[in-house]
Amino acid sequence: MSEARARLLSKATGLFYAEGIRAVGVDRVIGEAQVTRATLYKHFPSKDDLIVAYLTQADEAIRARTDAARTEETNADEVIRTVGRSITDDIQSAGFRGCAFLNAAAEYPDPAHPVHQAALKHRQWFLDTMIELFSGIGKPDAEPAARHFVMLRDGAMTAGCLTDPKPICETFLRGIEGLLKYRSRDEAAF
């Protein structure tokens, strides 16, 4: 990646996340990155391309953290807990404004739009990953558990930027423990 492209993407990422994608125009990104308009369009033919690159970079960071959890933890339950703790770390970080993907999908609601598609692609990967992780702990109903995890995450990411994040994170982690403890529908009868 060229230095100018990296600077453009870095500035756009900060601005898009902090202020909203539609609120930030390309002139602002150009000014903050200290490049010419021609340089922006050389690397990103449209603002949509820049936005998709921003979301792709966020997706890659989350994938890397998930891969690191899989590498560092030998216990499948602990991998899920580690993924959960990385989410709570984000929620409690300075400047947290919610999920970049949910925010982008809200700003670009047309399911056919490339920005919306990038958000959906990430979310499908995340759901598939959580299904795989819950399957790894021997959970016979891994898909519903993974969907529950994703819904808990979405709620925590939304509430975490509206109120004190500490109780939100505690509740989210408690929900994960419940999912790990409750292994199947059949166990509820015992």
N, C-alpha and C. Protein backbone atom coordinates (compact mmCIF):
# COMPACT_ATOMS: atom_id res chain seq x y z
N MET A 1 0.86 -1.18 0.00
CA MET A 1 0.00 0.00 0.00
C MET A 1 0.90 1.24 0.00
N SER A 2 0.63 2.17 -0.90
CA SER A 2 1.42 3.39 -0.96
C SER A 2 1.16 4.23 0.29
N GLU A 3 2.10 5.11 0.56
CA GLU A 3 1.98 5.97 1.74
C GLU A 3 0.76 6.88 1.62
N ALA A 4 0.50 7.40 0.44
CA ALA A 4 -0.66 8.28 0.24
C ALA A 4 -1.97 7.51 0.43
N ARG A 5 -2.04 6.29 -0.10
CA ARG A 5 -3.24 5.47 0.06
C ARG A 5 -3.47 5.15 1.53
N ALA A 6 -2.40 4.80 2.23
CA ALA A 6 -2.51 4.49 3.66
C ALA A 6 -2.98 5.71 4.44
N ARG A 7 -2.45 6.87 4.11
CA ARG A 7 -2.85 8.09 4.81
C ARG A 7 -4.32 8.42 4.53
N LEU A 8 -4.74 8.28 3.27
CA LEU A 8 -6.14 8.51 2.92
C LEU A 8 -7.06 7.56 3.70
N LEU A 9 -6.71 6.29 3.71
CA LEU A 9 -7.54 5.30 4.39
C LEU A 9 -7.56 5.55 5.89
N SER A 10 -6.43 5.89 6.46
CA SER A 10 -6.36 6.17 7.89
C SER A 10 -7.23 7.36 8.28
N LYS A 11 -7.10 8.45 7.53
CA LYS A 11 -7.90 9.65 7.82
C LYS A 11 -9.38 9.38 7.61
N ALA A 12 -9.72 8.70 6.51
CA ALA A 12 -11.13 8.39 6.24
C ALA A 12 -11.69 7.50 7.34
N THR A 13 -10.92 6.52 7.78
CA THR A 13 -11.38 5.63 8.84
C THR A 13 -11.73 6.41 10.10
N GLY A 14 -10.83 7.25 10.53
CA GLY A 14 -11.08 8.05 11.73
C GLY A 14 -12.29 8.95 11.59
N LEU A 15 -12.39 9.63 10.46
CA LEU A 15 -13.51 10.53 10.24
C LEU A 15 -14.84 9.80 10.08
N PHE A 16 -14.85 8.75 9.26
CA PHE A 16 -16.10 8.01 9.04
C PHE A 16 -16.62 7.43 10.35
N TYR A 17 -15.73 6.88 11.15
CA TYR A 17 -16.17 6.25 12.40
C TYR A 17 -16.62 7.30 13.40
N ALA A 18 -15.89 8.38 13.53
CA ALA A 18 -16.20 9.39 14.55
C ALA A 18 -17.40 10.26 14.19
N GLU A 19 -17.56 10.56 12.89
CA GLU A 19 -18.57 11.54 12.52
C GLU A 19 -19.70 10.99 11.66
N GLY A 20 -19.52 9.80 11.12
CA GLY A 20 -20.52 9.22 10.23
C GLY A 20 -20.05 9.31 8.79
N ILE A 21 -20.38 8.32 8.02
CA ILE A 21 -19.89 8.23 6.65
C ILE A 21 -20.46 9.33 5.77
N ARG A 22 -21.76 9.51 5.80
CA ARG A 22 -22.38 10.51 4.93
C ARG A 22 -22.04 11.94 5.37
N ALA A 23 -21.69 12.12 6.64
CA ALA A 23 -21.37 13.45 7.15
C ALA A 23 -20.00 13.94 6.69
N VAL A 24 -19.16 13.03 6.23
CA VAL A 24 -17.79 13.38 5.83
C VAL A 24 -17.68 13.32 4.31
N GLY A 25 -17.35 14.45 3.72
CA GLY A 25 -17.19 14.50 2.27
C GLY A 25 -15.76 14.21 1.86
N VAL A 26 -15.58 13.95 0.58
CA VAL A 26 -14.24 13.64 0.08
C VAL A 26 -13.30 14.83 0.24
N ASP A 27 -13.81 16.06 0.15
CA ASP A 27 -12.95 17.22 0.34
C ASP A 27 -12.34 17.22 1.74
N ARG A 28 -13.11 16.83 2.71
CA ARG A 28 -12.60 16.76 4.09
C ARG A 28 -11.50 15.70 4.20
N VAL A 29 -11.73 14.55 3.61
CA VAL A 29 -10.73 13.48 3.64
C VAL A 29 -9.46 13.93 2.94
N ILE A 30 -9.60 14.56 1.78
CA ILE A 30 -8.45 15.06 1.03
C ILE A 30 -7.66 16.06 1.87
N GLY A 31 -8.37 16.99 2.51
CA GLY A 31 -7.71 18.00 3.33
C GLY A 31 -6.98 17.39 4.52
N GLU A 32 -7.64 16.45 5.20
CA GLU A 32 -7.02 15.81 6.38
C GLU A 32 -5.82 14.96 5.99
N ALA A 33 -5.92 14.30 4.85
CA ALA A 33 -4.83 13.42 4.40
C ALA A 33 -3.72 14.20 3.69
N GLN A 34 -4.00 15.47 3.37
CA GLN A 34 -3.05 16.34 2.69
C GLN A 34 -2.58 15.73 1.36
N VAL A 35 -3.56 15.38 0.55
CA VAL A 35 -3.29 14.86 -0.79
C VAL A 35 -4.16 15.65 -1.78
N THR A 36 -3.92 15.42 -3.04
CA THR A 36 -4.73 16.06 -4.07
C THR A 36 -5.96 15.20 -4.37
N ARG A 37 -6.92 15.82 -5.00
CA ARG A 37 -8.12 15.09 -5.43
C ARG A 37 -7.72 13.96 -6.39
N ALA A 38 -6.76 14.25 -7.27
CA ALA A 38 -6.30 13.24 -8.23
C ALA A 38 -5.70 12.03 -7.50
N THR A 39 -5.00 12.28 -6.39
CA THR A 39 -4.42 11.18 -5.62
C THR A 39 -5.53 10.33 -4.99
N LEU A 40 -6.53 11.00 -4.45
CA LEU A 40 -7.66 10.24 -3.88
C LEU A 40 -8.27 9.34 -4.94
N TYR A 41 -8.59 9.91 -6.11
CA TYR A 41 -9.29 9.13 -7.13
C TYR A 41 -8.38 8.12 -7.83
N LYS A 42 -7.09 8.31 -7.72
CA LYS A 42 -6.15 7.30 -8.23
C LYS A 42 -6.25 6.03 -7.40
N HIS A 43 -6.39 6.20 -6.10
CA HIS A 43 -6.44 5.05 -5.19
C HIS A 43 -7.87 4.54 -4.94
N PHE A 44 -8.83 5.46 -4.99
CA PHE A 44 -10.23 5.11 -4.72
C PHE A 44 -11.09 5.81 -5.77
N PRO A 45 -11.52 5.09 -6.81
CA PRO A 45 -12.26 5.72 -7.91
C PRO A 45 -13.53 6.46 -7.48
N SER A 46 -14.07 6.11 -6.30
CA SER A 46 -15.27 6.79 -5.81
C SER A 46 -15.25 6.79 -4.29
N LYS A 47 -16.11 7.60 -3.71
CA LYS A 47 -16.23 7.60 -2.25
C LYS A 47 -16.68 6.22 -1.78
N ASP A 48 -17.56 5.58 -2.52
CA ASP A 48 -18.01 4.24 -2.15
C ASP A 48 -16.82 3.27 -2.05
N ASP A 49 -15.87 3.39 -2.96
CA ASP A 49 -14.68 2.53 -2.91
C ASP A 49 -13.87 2.80 -1.63
N LEU A 50 -13.78 4.06 -1.25
CA LEU A 50 -13.08 4.42 -0.01
C LEU A 50 -13.82 3.85 1.20
N ILE A 51 -15.12 3.93 1.20
CA ILE A 51 -15.92 3.40 2.31
C ILE A 51 -15.76 1.88 2.41
N VAL A 52 -15.83 1.21 1.28
CA VAL A 52 -15.66 -0.25 1.28
C VAL A 52 -14.26 -0.61 1.77
N ALA A 53 -13.25 0.16 1.41
CA ALA A 53 -11.89 -0.09 1.90
C ALA A 53 -11.82 0.10 3.41
N TYR A 54 -12.50 1.11 3.93
CA TYR A 54 -12.59 1.35 5.38
C TYR A 54 -13.22 0.14 6.07
N LEU A 55 -14.32 -0.35 5.54
CA LEU A 55 -14.99 -1.51 6.14
C LEU A 55 -14.15 -2.78 5.98
N THR A 56 -13.49 -2.93 4.86
CA THR A 56 -12.62 -4.09 4.65
C THR A 56 -11.49 -4.10 5.66
N GLN A 57 -10.92 -2.94 5.92
CA GLN A 57 -9.85 -2.84 6.91
C GLN A 57 -10.36 -3.21 8.31
N ALA A 58 -11.55 -2.75 8.66
CA ALA A 58 -12.15 -3.09 9.95
C ALA A 58 -12.42 -4.60 10.03
N ASP A 59 -12.92 -5.16 8.94
CA ASP A 59 -13.17 -6.60 8.86
C ASP A 59 -11.88 -7.38 9.07
N GLU A 60 -10.83 -6.97 8.40
CA GLU A 60 -9.54 -7.67 8.51
C GLU A 60 -9.00 -7.63 9.93
N ALA A 61 -9.20 -6.50 10.62
CA ALA A 61 -8.73 -6.39 12.01
C ALA A 61 -9.49 -7.35 12.93
N ILE A 62 -10.78 -7.47 12.72
CA ILE A 62 -11.59 -8.38 13.54
C ILE A 62 -11.23 -9.84 13.23
N ARG A 63 -11.03 -10.14 11.97
CA ARG A 63 -10.61 -11.49 11.59
C ARG A 63 -9.26 -11.84 12.23
N ALA A 64 -8.34 -10.88 12.22
CA ALA A 64 -7.01 -11.12 12.82
C ALA A 64 -7.13 -11.37 14.31
N ARG A 65 -7.96 -10.62 15.00
CA ARG A 65 -8.15 -10.85 16.45
C ARG A 65 -8.79 -12.20 16.71
N THR A 66 -9.72 -12.60 15.87
CA THR A 66 -10.37 -13.90 16.04
C THR A 66 -9.37 -15.01 15.77
N ASP A 67 -8.56 -14.87 14.73
CA ASP A 67 -7.53 -15.86 14.44
C ASP A 67 -6.52 -15.95 15.59
N ALA A 68 -6.18 -14.80 16.17
CA ALA A 68 -5.24 -14.79 17.31
C ALA A 68 -5.84 -15.53 18.49
N ALA A 69 -7.13 -15.35 18.74
CA ALA A 69 -7.80 -16.06 19.85
C ALA A 69 -7.74 -17.56 19.60
N ARG A 70 -7.96 -17.96 18.38
CA ARG A 70 -7.90 -19.39 18.05
C ARG A 70 -6.49 -19.95 18.23
N THR A 71 -5.49 -19.15 17.94
CA THR A 71 -4.10 -19.58 18.08
C THR A 71 -3.67 -19.63 19.54
N GLU A 72 -4.09 -18.63 20.30
CA GLU A 72 -3.65 -18.50 21.69
C GLU A 72 -4.36 -19.44 22.65
N GLU A 73 -5.60 -19.75 22.38
CA GLU A 73 -6.41 -20.56 23.30
C GLU A 73 -6.53 -21.99 22.79
N THR A 74 -6.37 -22.93 23.69
CA THR A 74 -6.53 -24.34 23.31
C THR A 74 -7.93 -24.84 23.63
N ASN A 75 -8.59 -24.24 24.58
CA ASN A 75 -9.93 -24.63 24.99
C ASN A 75 -10.95 -23.87 24.14
N ALA A 76 -11.87 -24.60 23.50
CA ALA A 76 -12.85 -23.98 22.61
C ALA A 76 -13.72 -22.95 23.33
N ASP A 77 -14.11 -23.25 24.58
CA ASP A 77 -14.88 -22.28 25.35
C ASP A 77 -14.10 -20.99 25.52
N GLU A 78 -12.80 -21.10 25.76
CA GLU A 78 -11.97 -19.92 25.98
C GLU A 78 -11.82 -19.08 24.70
N VAL A 79 -11.84 -19.73 23.56
CA VAL A 79 -11.79 -18.96 22.30
C VAL A 79 -13.02 -18.05 22.23
N ILE A 80 -14.18 -18.60 22.52
CA ILE A 80 -15.42 -17.81 22.49
C ILE A 80 -15.35 -16.69 23.53
N ARG A 81 -14.88 -16.99 24.72
CA ARG A 81 -14.74 -15.95 25.75
C ARG A 81 -13.77 -14.86 25.29
N THR A 82 -12.67 -15.26 24.67
CA THR A 82 -11.68 -14.28 24.21
C THR A 82 -12.27 -13.39 23.13
N VAL A 83 -13.05 -13.95 22.22
CA VAL A 83 -13.73 -13.13 21.21
C VAL A 83 -14.66 -12.15 21.91
N GLY A 84 -15.39 -12.62 22.90
CA GLY A 84 -16.29 -11.75 23.66
C GLY A 84 -15.54 -10.63 24.37
N ARG A 85 -14.41 -10.96 24.99
CA ARG A 85 -13.63 -9.93 25.68
C ARG A 85 -13.05 -8.91 24.71
N SER A 86 -12.70 -9.34 23.50
CA SER A 86 -12.20 -8.36 22.53
C SER A 86 -13.31 -7.38 22.15
N ILE A 87 -14.54 -7.86 22.12
CA ILE A 87 -15.68 -6.98 21.83
C ILE A 87 -15.88 -6.00 22.97
N THR A 88 -15.78 -6.49 24.22
CA THR A 88 -15.95 -5.57 25.36
C THR A 88 -14.79 -4.58 25.44
N ASP A 89 -13.62 -4.99 25.04
CA ASP A 89 -12.49 -4.04 24.99
C ASP A 89 -12.80 -2.90 24.02
N ASP A 90 -13.37 -3.24 22.86
CA ASP A 90 -13.75 -2.21 21.89
C ASP A 90 -14.80 -1.28 22.49
N ILE A 91 -15.81 -1.86 23.11
CA ILE A 91 -16.90 -1.07 23.67
C ILE A 91 -16.40 -0.08 24.71
N GLN A 92 -15.40 -0.48 25.48
CA GLN A 92 -14.88 0.38 26.54
C GLN A 92 -13.74 1.29 26.09
N SER A 93 -13.41 1.27 24.79
CA SER A 93 -12.31 2.10 24.30
C SER A 93 -12.77 3.54 24.11
N ALA A 94 -11.81 4.45 24.19
CA ALA A 94 -12.10 5.87 23.99
C ALA A 94 -12.63 6.10 22.58
N GLY A 95 -13.65 6.92 22.47
CA GLY A 95 -14.20 7.26 21.17
C GLY A 95 -15.11 6.21 20.56
N PHE A 96 -15.50 5.21 21.35
CA PHE A 96 -16.35 4.15 20.82
C PHE A 96 -17.69 4.73 20.37
N ARG A 97 -18.09 4.40 19.13
CA ARG A 97 -19.35 4.89 18.56
C ARG A 97 -20.20 3.76 18.00
N GLY A 98 -20.04 2.56 18.52
CA GLY A 98 -20.84 1.45 18.04
C GLY A 98 -20.12 0.65 16.97
N CYS A 99 -20.85 -0.25 16.38
CA CYS A 99 -20.31 -1.15 15.36
C CYS A 99 -20.19 -0.42 14.03
N ALA A 100 -19.00 -0.40 13.46
CA ALA A 100 -18.79 0.26 12.17
C ALA A 100 -19.69 -0.33 11.09
N PHE A 101 -19.95 -1.62 11.16
CA PHE A 101 -20.75 -2.29 10.13
C PHE A 101 -22.23 -1.98 10.28
N LEU A 102 -22.73 -1.99 11.52
CA LEU A 102 -24.13 -1.62 11.75
C LEU A 102 -24.35 -0.15 11.38
N ASN A 103 -23.38 0.70 11.75
CA ASN A 103 -23.49 2.12 11.41
C ASN A 103 -23.52 2.31 9.90
N ALA A 104 -22.64 1.61 9.19
CA ALA A 104 -22.59 1.74 7.72
C ALA A 104 -23.89 1.23 7.09
N ALA A 105 -24.39 0.11 7.57
CA ALA A 105 -25.64 -0.44 7.02
C ALA A 105 -26.81 0.50 7.27
N ALA A 106 -26.80 1.18 8.42
CA ALA A 106 -27.86 2.14 8.72
C ALA A 106 -27.78 3.35 7.78
N GLU A 107 -26.58 3.76 7.42
CA GLU A 107 -26.42 4.91 6.53
C GLU A 107 -26.65 4.54 5.06
N TYR A 108 -26.46 3.27 4.75
CA TYR A 108 -26.65 2.78 3.38
C TYR A 108 -27.61 1.59 3.42
N PRO A 109 -28.91 1.86 3.58
CA PRO A 109 -29.88 0.78 3.79
C PRO A 109 -30.21 -0.06 2.56
N ASP A 110 -29.85 0.40 1.37
CA ASP A 110 -30.15 -0.36 0.15
C ASP A 110 -29.31 -1.63 0.15
N PRO A 111 -29.94 -2.82 0.24
CA PRO A 111 -29.18 -4.07 0.29
C PRO A 111 -28.27 -4.31 -0.91
N ALA A 112 -28.54 -3.65 -2.04
CA ALA A 112 -27.72 -3.83 -3.23
C ALA A 112 -26.51 -2.89 -3.27
N HIS A 113 -26.47 -1.90 -2.39
CA HIS A 113 -25.38 -0.93 -2.40
C HIS A 113 -24.08 -1.59 -1.93
N PRO A 114 -22.95 -1.27 -2.55
CA PRO A 114 -21.67 -1.91 -2.18
C PRO A 114 -21.28 -1.74 -0.70
N VAL A 115 -21.65 -0.62 -0.11
CA VAL A 115 -21.35 -0.41 1.31
C VAL A 115 -22.17 -1.37 2.16
N HIS A 116 -23.44 -1.47 1.86
CA HIS A 116 -24.31 -2.40 2.58
C HIS A 116 -23.82 -3.84 2.38
N GLN A 117 -23.44 -4.15 1.15
CA GLN A 117 -22.93 -5.49 0.85
C GLN A 117 -21.67 -5.80 1.66
N ALA A 118 -20.78 -4.82 1.82
CA ALA A 118 -19.56 -5.03 2.62
C ALA A 118 -19.92 -5.31 4.08
N ALA A 119 -20.91 -4.60 4.59
CA ALA A 119 -21.35 -4.85 5.97
C ALA A 119 -21.96 -6.25 6.10
N LEU A 120 -22.79 -6.64 5.15
CA LEU A 120 -23.40 -7.97 5.17
C LEU A 120 -22.35 -9.08 5.06
N LYS A 121 -21.35 -8.86 4.22
CA LYS A 121 -20.29 -9.85 4.05
C LYS A 121 -19.56 -10.09 5.37
N HIS A 122 -19.23 -9.00 6.06
CA HIS A 122 -18.57 -9.14 7.36
C HIS A 122 -19.47 -9.88 8.34
N ARG A 123 -20.71 -9.49 8.42
CA ARG A 123 -21.63 -10.09 9.39
C ARG A 123 -21.83 -11.57 9.10
N GLN A 124 -21.89 -11.95 7.83
CA GLN A 124 -22.04 -13.37 7.51
C GLN A 124 -20.79 -14.14 7.93
N TRP A 125 -19.63 -13.56 7.68
CA TRP A 125 -18.39 -14.21 8.13
C TRP A 125 -18.40 -14.36 9.64
N PHE A 126 -18.81 -13.32 10.36
CA PHE A 126 -18.80 -13.38 11.82
C PHE A 126 -19.78 -14.46 12.31
N LEU A 127 -20.97 -14.50 11.75
CA LEU A 127 -21.94 -15.54 12.13
C LEU A 127 -21.39 -16.93 11.81
N ASP A 128 -20.85 -17.12 10.63
CA ASP A 128 -20.28 -18.42 10.26
C ASP A 128 -19.15 -18.82 11.22
N THR A 129 -18.34 -17.85 11.60
CA THR A 129 -17.25 -18.11 12.53
C THR A 129 -17.78 -18.52 13.89
N MET A 130 -18.80 -17.84 14.37
CA MET A 130 -19.37 -18.19 15.68
C MET A 130 -20.05 -19.55 15.62
N ILE A 131 -20.70 -19.90 14.50
CA ILE A 131 -21.28 -21.24 14.36
C ILE A 131 -20.16 -22.28 14.47
N GLU A 132 -19.08 -22.04 13.78
CA GLU A 132 -17.94 -22.96 13.83
C GLU A 132 -17.38 -23.08 15.25
N LEU A 133 -17.27 -21.95 15.95
CA LEU A 133 -16.74 -21.99 17.32
C LEU A 133 -17.68 -22.72 18.26
N PHE A 134 -18.98 -22.46 18.14
CA PHE A 134 -19.93 -23.17 19.01
C PHE A 134 -20.01 -24.66 18.64
N SER A 135 -19.84 -24.99 17.39
CA SER A 135 -19.77 -26.41 17.00
C SER A 135 -18.55 -27.07 17.64
N GLY A 136 -17.47 -26.30 17.77
CA GLY A 136 -16.23 -26.81 18.35
C GLY A 136 -16.32 -27.16 19.81
N ILE A 137 -17.33 -26.64 20.51
CA ILE A 137 -17.48 -27.00 21.92
C ILE A 137 -18.48 -28.14 22.08
N GLY A 138 -18.91 -28.69 20.97
CA GLY A 138 -19.82 -29.82 21.02
C GLY A 138 -21.26 -29.42 21.17
N LYS A 139 -21.59 -28.21 20.84
CA LYS A 139 -22.96 -27.73 20.98
C LYS A 139 -23.79 -28.23 19.81
N PRO A 140 -24.80 -29.07 20.04
CA PRO A 140 -25.59 -29.61 18.95
C PRO A 140 -26.46 -28.56 18.25
N ASP A 141 -26.75 -27.47 18.95
CA ASP A 141 -27.53 -26.39 18.34
C ASP A 141 -26.64 -25.15 18.18
N ALA A 142 -25.53 -25.36 17.50
CA ALA A 142 -24.52 -24.30 17.35
C ALA A 142 -25.04 -23.08 16.60
N GLU A 143 -25.85 -23.30 15.57
CA GLU A 143 -26.32 -22.15 14.80
C GLU A 143 -27.21 -21.22 15.63
N PRO A 144 -28.21 -21.73 16.36
CA PRO A 144 -29.00 -20.81 17.20
C PRO A 144 -28.14 -20.13 18.28
N ALA A 145 -27.19 -20.86 18.84
CA ALA A 145 -26.30 -20.26 19.84
C ALA A 145 -25.48 -19.14 19.22
N ALA A 146 -24.97 -19.35 18.01
CA ALA A 146 -24.18 -18.34 17.33
C ALA A 146 -25.03 -17.12 17.00
N ARG A 147 -26.27 -17.36 16.56
CA ARG A 147 -27.17 -16.23 16.28
C ARG A 147 -27.45 -15.44 17.55
N HIS A 148 -27.61 -16.14 18.64
CA HIS A 148 -27.84 -15.50 19.94
C HIS A 148 -26.61 -14.66 20.31
N PHE A 149 -25.43 -15.21 20.13
CA PHE A 149 -24.19 -14.49 20.42
C PHE A 149 -24.13 -13.20 19.60
N VAL A 150 -24.43 -13.30 18.31
CA VAL A 150 -24.37 -12.13 17.43
C VAL A 150 -25.39 -11.08 17.86
N MET A 151 -26.59 -11.52 18.26
CA MET A 151 -27.60 -10.57 18.73
C MET A 151 -27.16 -9.92 20.03
N LEU A 152 -26.56 -10.69 20.94
CA LEU A 152 -26.03 -10.10 22.18
C LEU A 152 -24.96 -9.06 21.85
N ARG A 153 -24.09 -9.41 20.91
CA ARG A 153 -23.03 -8.50 20.49
C ARG A 153 -23.61 -7.22 19.90
N ASP A 154 -24.60 -7.36 19.01
CA ASP A 154 -25.21 -6.18 18.40
C ASP A 154 -25.81 -5.26 19.46
N GLY A 155 -26.51 -5.85 20.41
CA GLY A 155 -27.11 -5.06 21.48
C GLY A 155 -26.06 -4.38 22.34
N ALA A 156 -25.00 -5.11 22.67
CA ALA A 156 -23.93 -4.53 23.49
C ALA A 156 -23.22 -3.40 22.74
N MET A 157 -22.98 -3.60 21.45
CA MET A 157 -22.31 -2.57 20.65
C MET A 157 -23.18 -1.31 20.54
N THR A 158 -24.48 -1.49 20.45
CA THR A 158 -25.39 -0.35 20.35
C THR A 158 -25.51 0.35 21.70
N ALA A 159 -25.81 -0.40 22.74
CA ALA A 159 -26.00 0.20 24.06
C ALA A 159 -24.69 0.75 24.63
N GLY A 160 -23.57 0.14 24.26
CA GLY A 160 -22.29 0.55 24.80
C GLY A 160 -21.86 1.95 24.42
N CYS A 161 -22.44 2.51 23.38
CA CYS A 161 -22.10 3.89 23.01
C CYS A 161 -23.17 4.87 23.48
N LEU A 162 -24.22 4.36 24.11
CA LEU A 162 -25.29 5.23 24.58
C LEU A 162 -25.24 5.49 26.09
N THR A 163 -24.72 4.53 26.82
CA THR A 163 -24.71 4.64 28.28
C THR A 163 -23.36 4.16 28.80
N ASP A 164 -23.26 4.06 30.10
CA ASP A 164 -22.04 3.56 30.74
C ASP A 164 -21.74 2.17 30.19
N PRO A 165 -20.59 1.99 29.56
CA PRO A 165 -20.30 0.70 28.93
C PRO A 165 -20.01 -0.43 29.92
N LYS A 166 -19.63 -0.12 31.12
CA LYS A 166 -19.23 -1.19 32.05
C LYS A 166 -20.36 -2.19 32.31
N PRO A 167 -21.56 -1.76 32.73
CA PRO A 167 -22.62 -2.77 32.94
C PRO A 167 -23.06 -3.46 31.65
N ILE A 168 -22.95 -2.75 30.53
CA ILE A 168 -23.29 -3.36 29.24
C ILE A 168 -22.34 -4.53 28.98
N CYS A 169 -21.06 -4.29 29.20
CA CYS A 169 -20.05 -5.33 28.96
C CYS A 169 -20.22 -6.50 29.92
N GLU A 170 -20.51 -6.20 31.18
CA GLU A 170 -20.74 -7.26 32.16
C GLU A 170 -21.93 -8.13 31.74
N THR A 171 -22.99 -7.50 31.28
CA THR A 171 -24.18 -8.23 30.85
C THR A 171 -23.88 -9.08 29.62
N PHE A 172 -23.14 -8.53 28.68
CA PHE A 172 -22.76 -9.26 27.47
C PHE A 172 -21.93 -10.50 27.84
N LEU A 173 -20.93 -10.32 28.69
CA LEU A 173 -20.09 -11.46 29.08
C LEU A 173 -20.89 -12.51 29.87
N ARG A 174 -21.84 -12.06 30.67
CA ARG A 174 -22.71 -12.99 31.40
C ARG A 174 -23.57 -13.78 30.41
N GLY A 175 -24.03 -13.11 29.36
CA GLY A 175 -24.80 -13.79 28.33
C GLY A 175 -23.98 -14.86 27.62
N ILE A 176 -22.72 -14.57 27.37
CA ILE A 176 -21.83 -15.56 26.74
C ILE A 176 -21.69 -16.77 27.66
N GLU A 177 -21.53 -16.53 28.95
CA GLU A 177 -21.42 -17.66 29.89
C GLU A 177 -22.68 -18.51 29.86
N GLY A 178 -23.82 -17.87 29.74
CA GLY A 178 -25.07 -18.62 29.63
C GLY A 178 -25.11 -19.49 28.39
N LEU A 179 -24.64 -18.94 27.28
CA LEU A 179 -24.60 -19.72 26.04
C LEU A 179 -23.63 -20.90 26.15
N LEU A 180 -22.52 -20.69 26.84
CA LEU A 180 -21.55 -21.77 27.00
C LEU A 180 -22.07 -22.84 27.95
N LYS A 181 -22.79 -22.42 28.96
CA LYS A 181 -23.31 -23.38 29.95
C LYS A 181 -24.46 -24.21 29.36
N TYR A 182 -25.34 -23.55 28.65
CA TYR A 182 -26.50 -24.22 28.07
C TYR A 182 -26.08 -24.87 26.77
N ARG A 183 -25.80 -26.17 26.81
CA ARG A 183 -25.22 -26.87 25.66
C ARG A 183 -26.22 -27.30 24.61
N SER A 184 -27.45 -27.61 25.01
CA SER A 184 -28.44 -28.02 24.02
C SER A 184 -29.84 -27.91 24.59
N ARG A 185 -30.81 -27.98 23.71
CA ARG A 185 -32.21 -27.95 24.16
C ARG A 185 -32.51 -29.16 25.04
N ASP A 186 -31.90 -30.30 24.73
CA ASP A 186 -32.18 -31.53 25.49
C ASP A 186 -31.72 -31.43 26.94
N GLU A 187 -30.64 -30.70 27.20
CA GLU A 187 -30.13 -30.60 28.56
C GLU A 187 -31.06 -29.83 29.47
N ALA A 188 -31.89 -28.94 28.88
CA ALA A 188 -32.80 -28.13 29.70
C ALA A 188 -33.81 -29.01 30.44
N ALA A 189 -34.10 -30.18 29.90
CA ALA A 189 -35.08 -31.06 30.53
C ALA A 189 -34.50 -31.78 31.76
N PHE A 190 -33.18 -31.83 31.89
CA PHE A 190 -32.57 -32.57 32.99
C PHE A 190 -32.34 -31.73 34.20
